Amino acid sequence: MPPSRRRGFSLPELASNPDCIFCKIVRGELPASIVNRADGFVAIEDINPKADVHLLVIPERHLETFRDVSVMGGEEAKRMLDFVADTAKAAGLDEYRLMIFVGPGAGQTVFYLHWHILGGTVRGMPR
């Protein structure tokens, strides 16, 4: 599904980096297992899961890290948090971990703001 005009930002701001893997997914140029989509946000299955359920939630516009979240207005940031919670609930998760990696020293490898939702047994991560 191609991106459309969203509240608060114009089409050129959506998935604007031509080389970014998440931008390509948002633009429909790369396949992904989309599990949820709402106004300005998309949730996909992680291709290298670290838990029984491992989903990634991304905004449809490119923000490099959580440090950039202030670019979002309060209403958009709230919608993002609501979308994260709704995605976990839709996946049948009552208990889960939320993770965001900020910067390479913290383990961020894709420089696009995204939330990890991990449910069930988590593998290869500290408890």
N, C-alpha and C. Protein backbone atom coordinates (compact mmCIF):
# COMPACT_ATOMS: atom_id res chain seq x y z
N MET A 1 0.85 -1.17 0.00
CA MET A 1 0.00 0.00 0.00
C MET A 1 0.90 1.24 0.00
N PRO A 2 0.82 2.09 -1.00
CA PRO A 2 1.67 3.28 -1.03
C PRO A 2 1.25 4.28 0.03
N PRO A 3 2.22 5.08 0.50
CA PRO A 3 1.86 6.08 1.50
C PRO A 3 0.93 7.13 0.92
N SER A 4 0.14 7.73 1.76
CA SER A 4 -0.75 8.81 1.34
C SER A 4 -0.47 10.04 2.21
N ARG A 5 -1.12 11.13 1.90
CA ARG A 5 -0.94 12.35 2.70
C ARG A 5 -1.43 12.07 4.13
N ARG A 6 -0.63 12.41 5.10
CA ARG A 6 -0.96 12.17 6.51
C ARG A 6 -1.11 13.49 7.24
N ARG A 7 -1.76 13.44 8.40
CA ARG A 7 -1.93 14.64 9.21
C ARG A 7 -0.59 15.20 9.63
N GLY A 8 -0.39 16.51 9.41
CA GLY A 8 0.77 17.17 9.97
C GLY A 8 2.03 17.15 9.14
N PHE A 9 2.10 16.36 8.09
CA PHE A 9 3.28 16.40 7.25
C PHE A 9 2.92 16.01 5.83
N SER A 10 3.75 16.46 4.90
CA SER A 10 3.43 16.29 3.49
C SER A 10 4.06 15.02 2.94
N LEU A 11 3.60 14.63 1.77
CA LEU A 11 4.08 13.41 1.12
C LEU A 11 5.59 13.34 0.99
N PRO A 12 6.33 14.41 0.64
CA PRO A 12 7.77 14.29 0.53
C PRO A 12 8.47 13.89 1.83
N GLU A 13 7.86 14.18 3.00
CA GLU A 13 8.47 13.79 4.26
C GLU A 13 8.29 12.30 4.56
N LEU A 14 7.34 11.67 3.89
CA LEU A 14 7.09 10.25 4.13
C LEU A 14 8.18 9.41 3.50
N ALA A 15 8.76 8.51 4.28
CA ALA A 15 9.71 7.54 3.76
C ALA A 15 10.67 8.19 2.77
N SER A 16 11.32 9.26 3.18
CA SER A 16 12.04 10.13 2.26
C SER A 16 13.44 9.69 1.89
N ASN A 17 14.04 8.75 2.59
CA ASN A 17 15.41 8.35 2.30
C ASN A 17 15.40 7.24 1.24
N PRO A 18 15.96 7.48 0.05
CA PRO A 18 15.88 6.49 -1.02
C PRO A 18 16.64 5.19 -0.75
N ASP A 19 17.61 5.20 0.17
CA ASP A 19 18.41 4.01 0.44
C ASP A 19 18.03 3.28 1.72
N CYS A 20 17.08 3.81 2.48
CA CYS A 20 16.72 3.25 3.78
C CYS A 20 15.78 2.06 3.61
N ILE A 21 16.10 0.96 4.28
CA ILE A 21 15.28 -0.26 4.17
C ILE A 21 13.86 -0.03 4.68
N PHE A 22 13.69 0.71 5.79
CA PHE A 22 12.34 0.95 6.29
C PHE A 22 11.57 1.90 5.39
N CYS A 23 12.24 2.90 4.82
CA CYS A 23 11.57 3.78 3.86
C CYS A 23 11.08 2.96 2.67
N LYS A 24 11.89 2.02 2.20
CA LYS A 24 11.49 1.17 1.07
C LYS A 24 10.28 0.31 1.43
N ILE A 25 10.23 -0.18 2.66
CA ILE A 25 9.08 -0.96 3.10
C ILE A 25 7.83 -0.08 3.13
N VAL A 26 7.95 1.10 3.71
CA VAL A 26 6.80 2.02 3.79
C VAL A 26 6.31 2.38 2.39
N ARG A 27 7.23 2.59 1.45
CA ARG A 27 6.85 2.96 0.08
C ARG A 27 6.35 1.76 -0.73
N GLY A 28 6.43 0.55 -0.17
CA GLY A 28 5.97 -0.64 -0.87
C GLY A 28 6.98 -1.19 -1.85
N GLU A 29 8.23 -0.78 -1.75
CA GLU A 29 9.28 -1.24 -2.67
C GLU A 29 9.93 -2.53 -2.21
N LEU A 30 9.80 -2.88 -0.94
CA LEU A 30 10.32 -4.13 -0.40
C LEU A 30 9.19 -4.87 0.29
N PRO A 31 9.17 -6.20 0.14
CA PRO A 31 8.11 -6.96 0.83
C PRO A 31 8.36 -6.99 2.33
N ALA A 32 7.29 -7.02 3.09
CA ALA A 32 7.35 -7.15 4.54
C ALA A 32 6.04 -7.75 5.01
N SER A 33 6.11 -8.45 6.12
CA SER A 33 4.90 -9.00 6.72
C SER A 33 4.27 -7.92 7.60
N ILE A 34 3.36 -7.16 7.01
CA ILE A 34 2.70 -6.08 7.73
C ILE A 34 1.61 -6.67 8.61
N VAL A 35 1.66 -6.36 9.90
CA VAL A 35 0.67 -6.88 10.84
C VAL A 35 -0.32 -5.82 11.30
N ASN A 36 0.03 -4.56 11.10
CA ASN A 36 -0.87 -3.48 11.50
C ASN A 36 -0.46 -2.22 10.75
N ARG A 37 -1.43 -1.40 10.43
CA ARG A 37 -1.16 -0.11 9.77
C ARG A 37 -2.25 0.86 10.20
N ALA A 38 -1.84 2.06 10.53
CA ALA A 38 -2.78 3.11 10.89
C ALA A 38 -2.20 4.42 10.40
N ASP A 39 -2.95 5.46 10.53
CA ASP A 39 -2.58 6.78 10.02
C ASP A 39 -1.17 7.19 10.44
N GLY A 40 -0.19 6.98 9.56
CA GLY A 40 1.17 7.42 9.79
C GLY A 40 2.11 6.40 10.36
N PHE A 41 1.64 5.17 10.63
CA PHE A 41 2.48 4.16 11.27
C PHE A 41 2.23 2.78 10.65
N VAL A 42 3.25 1.95 10.72
CA VAL A 42 3.13 0.58 10.22
C VAL A 42 3.87 -0.34 11.18
N ALA A 43 3.36 -1.56 11.34
CA ALA A 43 4.00 -2.58 12.17
C ALA A 43 4.27 -3.79 11.29
N ILE A 44 5.48 -4.32 11.41
CA ILE A 44 5.89 -5.47 10.60
C ILE A 44 6.51 -6.53 11.50
N GLU A 45 6.56 -7.76 11.00
CA GLU A 45 7.28 -8.82 11.69
C GLU A 45 8.77 -8.61 11.45
N ASP A 46 9.58 -8.79 12.49
CA ASP A 46 11.03 -8.69 12.36
C ASP A 46 11.53 -9.89 11.56
N ILE A 47 12.45 -9.65 10.62
CA ILE A 47 12.96 -10.76 9.79
C ILE A 47 13.99 -11.60 10.53
N ASN A 48 14.47 -11.12 11.67
CA ASN A 48 15.42 -11.86 12.50
C ASN A 48 14.92 -11.85 13.94
N PRO A 49 13.81 -12.57 14.19
CA PRO A 49 13.14 -12.46 15.50
C PRO A 49 14.01 -12.94 16.66
N LYS A 50 13.89 -12.21 17.77
CA LYS A 50 14.58 -12.56 19.01
C LYS A 50 13.59 -13.02 20.07
N ALA A 51 12.34 -13.25 19.69
CA ALA A 51 11.31 -13.70 20.61
C ALA A 51 10.24 -14.43 19.82
N ASP A 52 9.36 -15.12 20.55
CA ASP A 52 8.25 -15.82 19.89
C ASP A 52 7.45 -14.84 19.02
N VAL A 53 7.21 -13.64 19.55
CA VAL A 53 6.59 -12.55 18.79
C VAL A 53 7.59 -11.41 18.80
N HIS A 54 8.01 -10.97 17.62
CA HIS A 54 8.95 -9.85 17.51
C HIS A 54 8.48 -8.96 16.37
N LEU A 55 7.89 -7.84 16.76
CA LEU A 55 7.33 -6.90 15.80
C LEU A 55 8.12 -5.59 15.84
N LEU A 56 8.13 -4.89 14.73
CA LEU A 56 8.75 -3.57 14.65
C LEU A 56 7.67 -2.56 14.30
N VAL A 57 7.61 -1.47 15.03
CA VAL A 57 6.67 -0.39 14.75
C VAL A 57 7.48 0.80 14.26
N ILE A 58 7.10 1.31 13.09
CA ILE A 58 7.83 2.43 12.49
C ILE A 58 6.85 3.51 12.04
N PRO A 59 7.25 4.77 12.21
CA PRO A 59 6.45 5.84 11.62
C PRO A 59 6.66 5.83 10.11
N GLU A 60 5.72 6.37 9.38
CA GLU A 60 5.85 6.39 7.92
C GLU A 60 6.78 7.49 7.42
N ARG A 61 7.25 8.32 8.30
CA ARG A 61 8.25 9.31 7.87
C ARG A 61 9.56 8.98 8.56
N HIS A 62 10.63 9.27 7.88
CA HIS A 62 11.97 8.91 8.34
C HIS A 62 12.45 9.84 9.44
N LEU A 63 12.62 9.29 10.62
CA LEU A 63 13.29 9.95 11.74
C LEU A 63 14.42 9.01 12.14
N GLU A 64 15.64 9.50 12.25
CA GLU A 64 16.78 8.61 12.43
C GLU A 64 16.81 7.88 13.76
N THR A 65 16.50 8.56 14.86
CA THR A 65 16.54 7.91 16.17
C THR A 65 15.43 8.47 17.05
N PHE A 66 15.30 7.88 18.22
CA PHE A 66 14.34 8.36 19.21
C PHE A 66 14.67 9.80 19.64
N ARG A 67 15.95 10.20 19.50
CA ARG A 67 16.32 11.58 19.82
C ARG A 67 15.52 12.58 18.98
N ASP A 68 15.05 12.16 17.82
CA ASP A 68 14.32 13.04 16.90
C ASP A 68 12.82 13.08 17.17
N VAL A 69 12.35 12.41 18.21
CA VAL A 69 10.92 12.31 18.46
C VAL A 69 10.30 13.69 18.70
N SER A 70 11.09 14.66 19.13
CA SER A 70 10.54 15.99 19.38
C SER A 70 10.06 16.67 18.09
N VAL A 71 10.48 16.15 16.94
CA VAL A 71 10.00 16.67 15.66
C VAL A 71 8.50 16.41 15.52
N MET A 72 8.05 15.33 16.14
CA MET A 72 6.62 15.01 16.11
C MET A 72 5.89 15.96 17.04
N GLY A 73 4.72 16.36 16.68
CA GLY A 73 3.89 17.11 17.61
C GLY A 73 3.37 16.17 18.69
N GLY A 74 2.85 16.74 19.75
CA GLY A 74 2.34 15.93 20.84
C GLY A 74 1.26 14.96 20.41
N GLU A 75 0.36 15.40 19.53
CA GLU A 75 -0.73 14.52 19.06
C GLU A 75 -0.17 13.35 18.27
N GLU A 76 0.82 13.61 17.42
CA GLU A 76 1.41 12.53 16.62
C GLU A 76 2.19 11.56 17.49
N ALA A 77 2.93 12.07 18.48
CA ALA A 77 3.67 11.20 19.39
C ALA A 77 2.71 10.32 20.19
N LYS A 78 1.58 10.89 20.63
CA LYS A 78 0.58 10.10 21.35
C LYS A 78 0.00 9.02 20.45
N ARG A 79 -0.29 9.38 19.20
CA ARG A 79 -0.82 8.37 18.26
C ARG A 79 0.19 7.24 18.06
N MET A 80 1.49 7.57 18.05
CA MET A 80 2.52 6.54 17.90
C MET A 80 2.49 5.59 19.10
N LEU A 81 2.44 6.14 20.31
CA LEU A 81 2.39 5.30 21.50
C LEU A 81 1.12 4.45 21.53
N ASP A 82 -0.01 5.04 21.17
CA ASP A 82 -1.26 4.28 21.11
C ASP A 82 -1.15 3.15 20.08
N PHE A 83 -0.51 3.44 18.95
CA PHE A 83 -0.35 2.44 17.90
C PHE A 83 0.54 1.29 18.38
N VAL A 84 1.61 1.60 19.12
CA VAL A 84 2.47 0.55 19.68
C VAL A 84 1.64 -0.35 20.60
N ALA A 85 0.86 0.25 21.51
CA ALA A 85 0.04 -0.52 22.44
C ALA A 85 -1.03 -1.32 21.70
N ASP A 86 -1.68 -0.72 20.71
CA ASP A 86 -2.71 -1.41 19.93
C ASP A 86 -2.12 -2.59 19.15
N THR A 87 -0.92 -2.42 18.64
CA THR A 87 -0.26 -3.49 17.88
C THR A 87 0.04 -4.68 18.79
N ALA A 88 0.55 -4.41 19.99
CA ALA A 88 0.82 -5.50 20.94
C ALA A 88 -0.47 -6.22 21.30
N LYS A 89 -1.52 -5.47 21.56
CA LYS A 89 -2.81 -6.07 21.91
C LYS A 89 -3.35 -6.92 20.76
N ALA A 90 -3.26 -6.39 19.53
CA ALA A 90 -3.75 -7.13 18.36
C ALA A 90 -2.95 -8.41 18.14
N ALA A 91 -1.69 -8.44 18.59
CA ALA A 91 -0.87 -9.64 18.47
C ALA A 91 -1.16 -10.63 19.59
N GLY A 92 -2.10 -10.29 20.48
CA GLY A 92 -2.47 -11.18 21.57
C GLY A 92 -1.55 -11.12 22.77
N LEU A 93 -0.77 -10.04 22.88
CA LEU A 93 0.20 -9.93 23.96
C LEU A 93 -0.38 -9.14 25.13
N ASP A 94 -0.36 -9.76 26.32
CA ASP A 94 -0.72 -9.07 27.55
C ASP A 94 0.53 -8.58 28.26
N GLU A 95 1.62 -9.36 28.11
CA GLU A 95 2.90 -9.02 28.71
C GLU A 95 3.94 -9.05 27.59
N TYR A 96 4.78 -8.02 27.55
CA TYR A 96 5.75 -7.91 26.47
C TYR A 96 6.80 -6.89 26.84
N ARG A 97 7.88 -6.88 26.07
CA ARG A 97 8.93 -5.88 26.22
C ARG A 97 8.83 -4.89 25.08
N LEU A 98 9.12 -3.63 25.39
CA LEU A 98 9.27 -2.60 24.37
C LEU A 98 10.72 -2.16 24.41
N MET A 99 11.34 -2.08 23.25
CA MET A 99 12.74 -1.68 23.19
C MET A 99 12.95 -0.68 22.06
N ILE A 100 13.79 0.30 22.34
CA ILE A 100 14.26 1.24 21.33
C ILE A 100 15.76 1.36 21.53
N PHE A 101 16.52 1.20 20.46
CA PHE A 101 17.96 1.38 20.52
C PHE A 101 18.27 2.76 19.95
N VAL A 102 19.06 3.54 20.66
CA VAL A 102 19.37 4.91 20.24
C VAL A 102 20.88 5.02 20.07
N GLY A 103 21.32 5.01 18.82
CA GLY A 103 22.73 5.15 18.50
C GLY A 103 23.45 3.82 18.40
N PRO A 104 24.55 3.80 17.67
CA PRO A 104 25.28 2.55 17.44
C PRO A 104 25.83 1.93 18.72
N GLY A 105 26.22 2.75 19.70
CA GLY A 105 26.73 2.21 20.96
C GLY A 105 25.68 1.46 21.75
N ALA A 106 24.41 1.74 21.46
CA ALA A 106 23.30 1.06 22.14
C ALA A 106 22.78 -0.12 21.32
N GLY A 107 23.35 -0.33 20.13
CA GLY A 107 22.94 -1.45 19.31
C GLY A 107 22.05 -1.09 18.14
N GLN A 108 21.80 0.20 17.90
CA GLN A 108 20.97 0.58 16.75
C GLN A 108 21.74 0.29 15.47
N THR A 109 21.12 -0.49 14.58
CA THR A 109 21.76 -0.83 13.30
C THR A 109 21.01 -0.26 12.11
N VAL A 110 19.72 0.01 12.26
CA VAL A 110 18.94 0.67 11.22
C VAL A 110 18.61 2.05 11.76
N PHE A 111 19.09 3.08 11.10
CA PHE A 111 18.95 4.44 11.60
C PHE A 111 17.65 5.06 11.12
N TYR A 112 16.59 4.56 11.74
CA TYR A 112 15.21 4.94 11.49
C TYR A 112 14.48 4.62 12.79
N LEU A 113 13.83 5.59 13.38
CA LEU A 113 13.12 5.37 14.64
C LEU A 113 12.20 4.17 14.52
N HIS A 114 12.36 3.21 15.41
CA HIS A 114 11.46 2.07 15.43
C HIS A 114 11.44 1.44 16.82
N TRP A 115 10.29 0.89 17.16
CA TRP A 115 10.05 0.21 18.42
C TRP A 115 10.08 -1.29 18.18
N HIS A 116 10.71 -2.02 19.07
CA HIS A 116 10.65 -3.48 19.05
C HIS A 116 9.60 -3.89 20.09
N ILE A 117 8.66 -4.73 19.68
CA ILE A 117 7.71 -5.34 20.60
C ILE A 117 8.08 -6.81 20.66
N LEU A 118 8.46 -7.29 21.84
CA LEU A 118 8.88 -8.68 22.01
C LEU A 118 7.96 -9.37 23.00
N GLY A 119 7.37 -10.48 22.60
CA GLY A 119 6.48 -11.23 23.47
C GLY A 119 6.82 -12.70 23.49
N GLY A 120 6.44 -13.37 24.55
CA GLY A 120 6.75 -14.80 24.70
C GLY A 120 8.20 -14.96 25.15
N THR A 121 8.78 -16.07 24.76
CA THR A 121 10.17 -16.35 25.14
C THR A 121 11.10 -15.47 24.32
N VAL A 122 11.94 -14.74 25.02
CA VAL A 122 12.94 -13.87 24.38
C VAL A 122 14.26 -14.62 24.37
N ARG A 123 14.93 -14.62 23.21
CA ARG A 123 16.18 -15.35 23.04
C ARG A 123 17.35 -14.39 22.78
N GLY A 124 18.49 -14.68 23.42
CA GLY A 124 19.71 -13.94 23.14
C GLY A 124 19.73 -12.53 23.66
N MET A 125 18.92 -12.24 24.67
CA MET A 125 18.89 -10.89 25.24
C MET A 125 18.86 -11.02 26.76
N PRO A 126 19.36 -10.00 27.45
CA PRO A 126 19.32 -10.07 28.92
C PRO A 126 17.89 -10.10 29.45
N ARG A 127 17.70 -10.76 30.56
CA ARG A 127 16.38 -10.84 31.19
C ARG A 127 16.05 -9.63 31.97
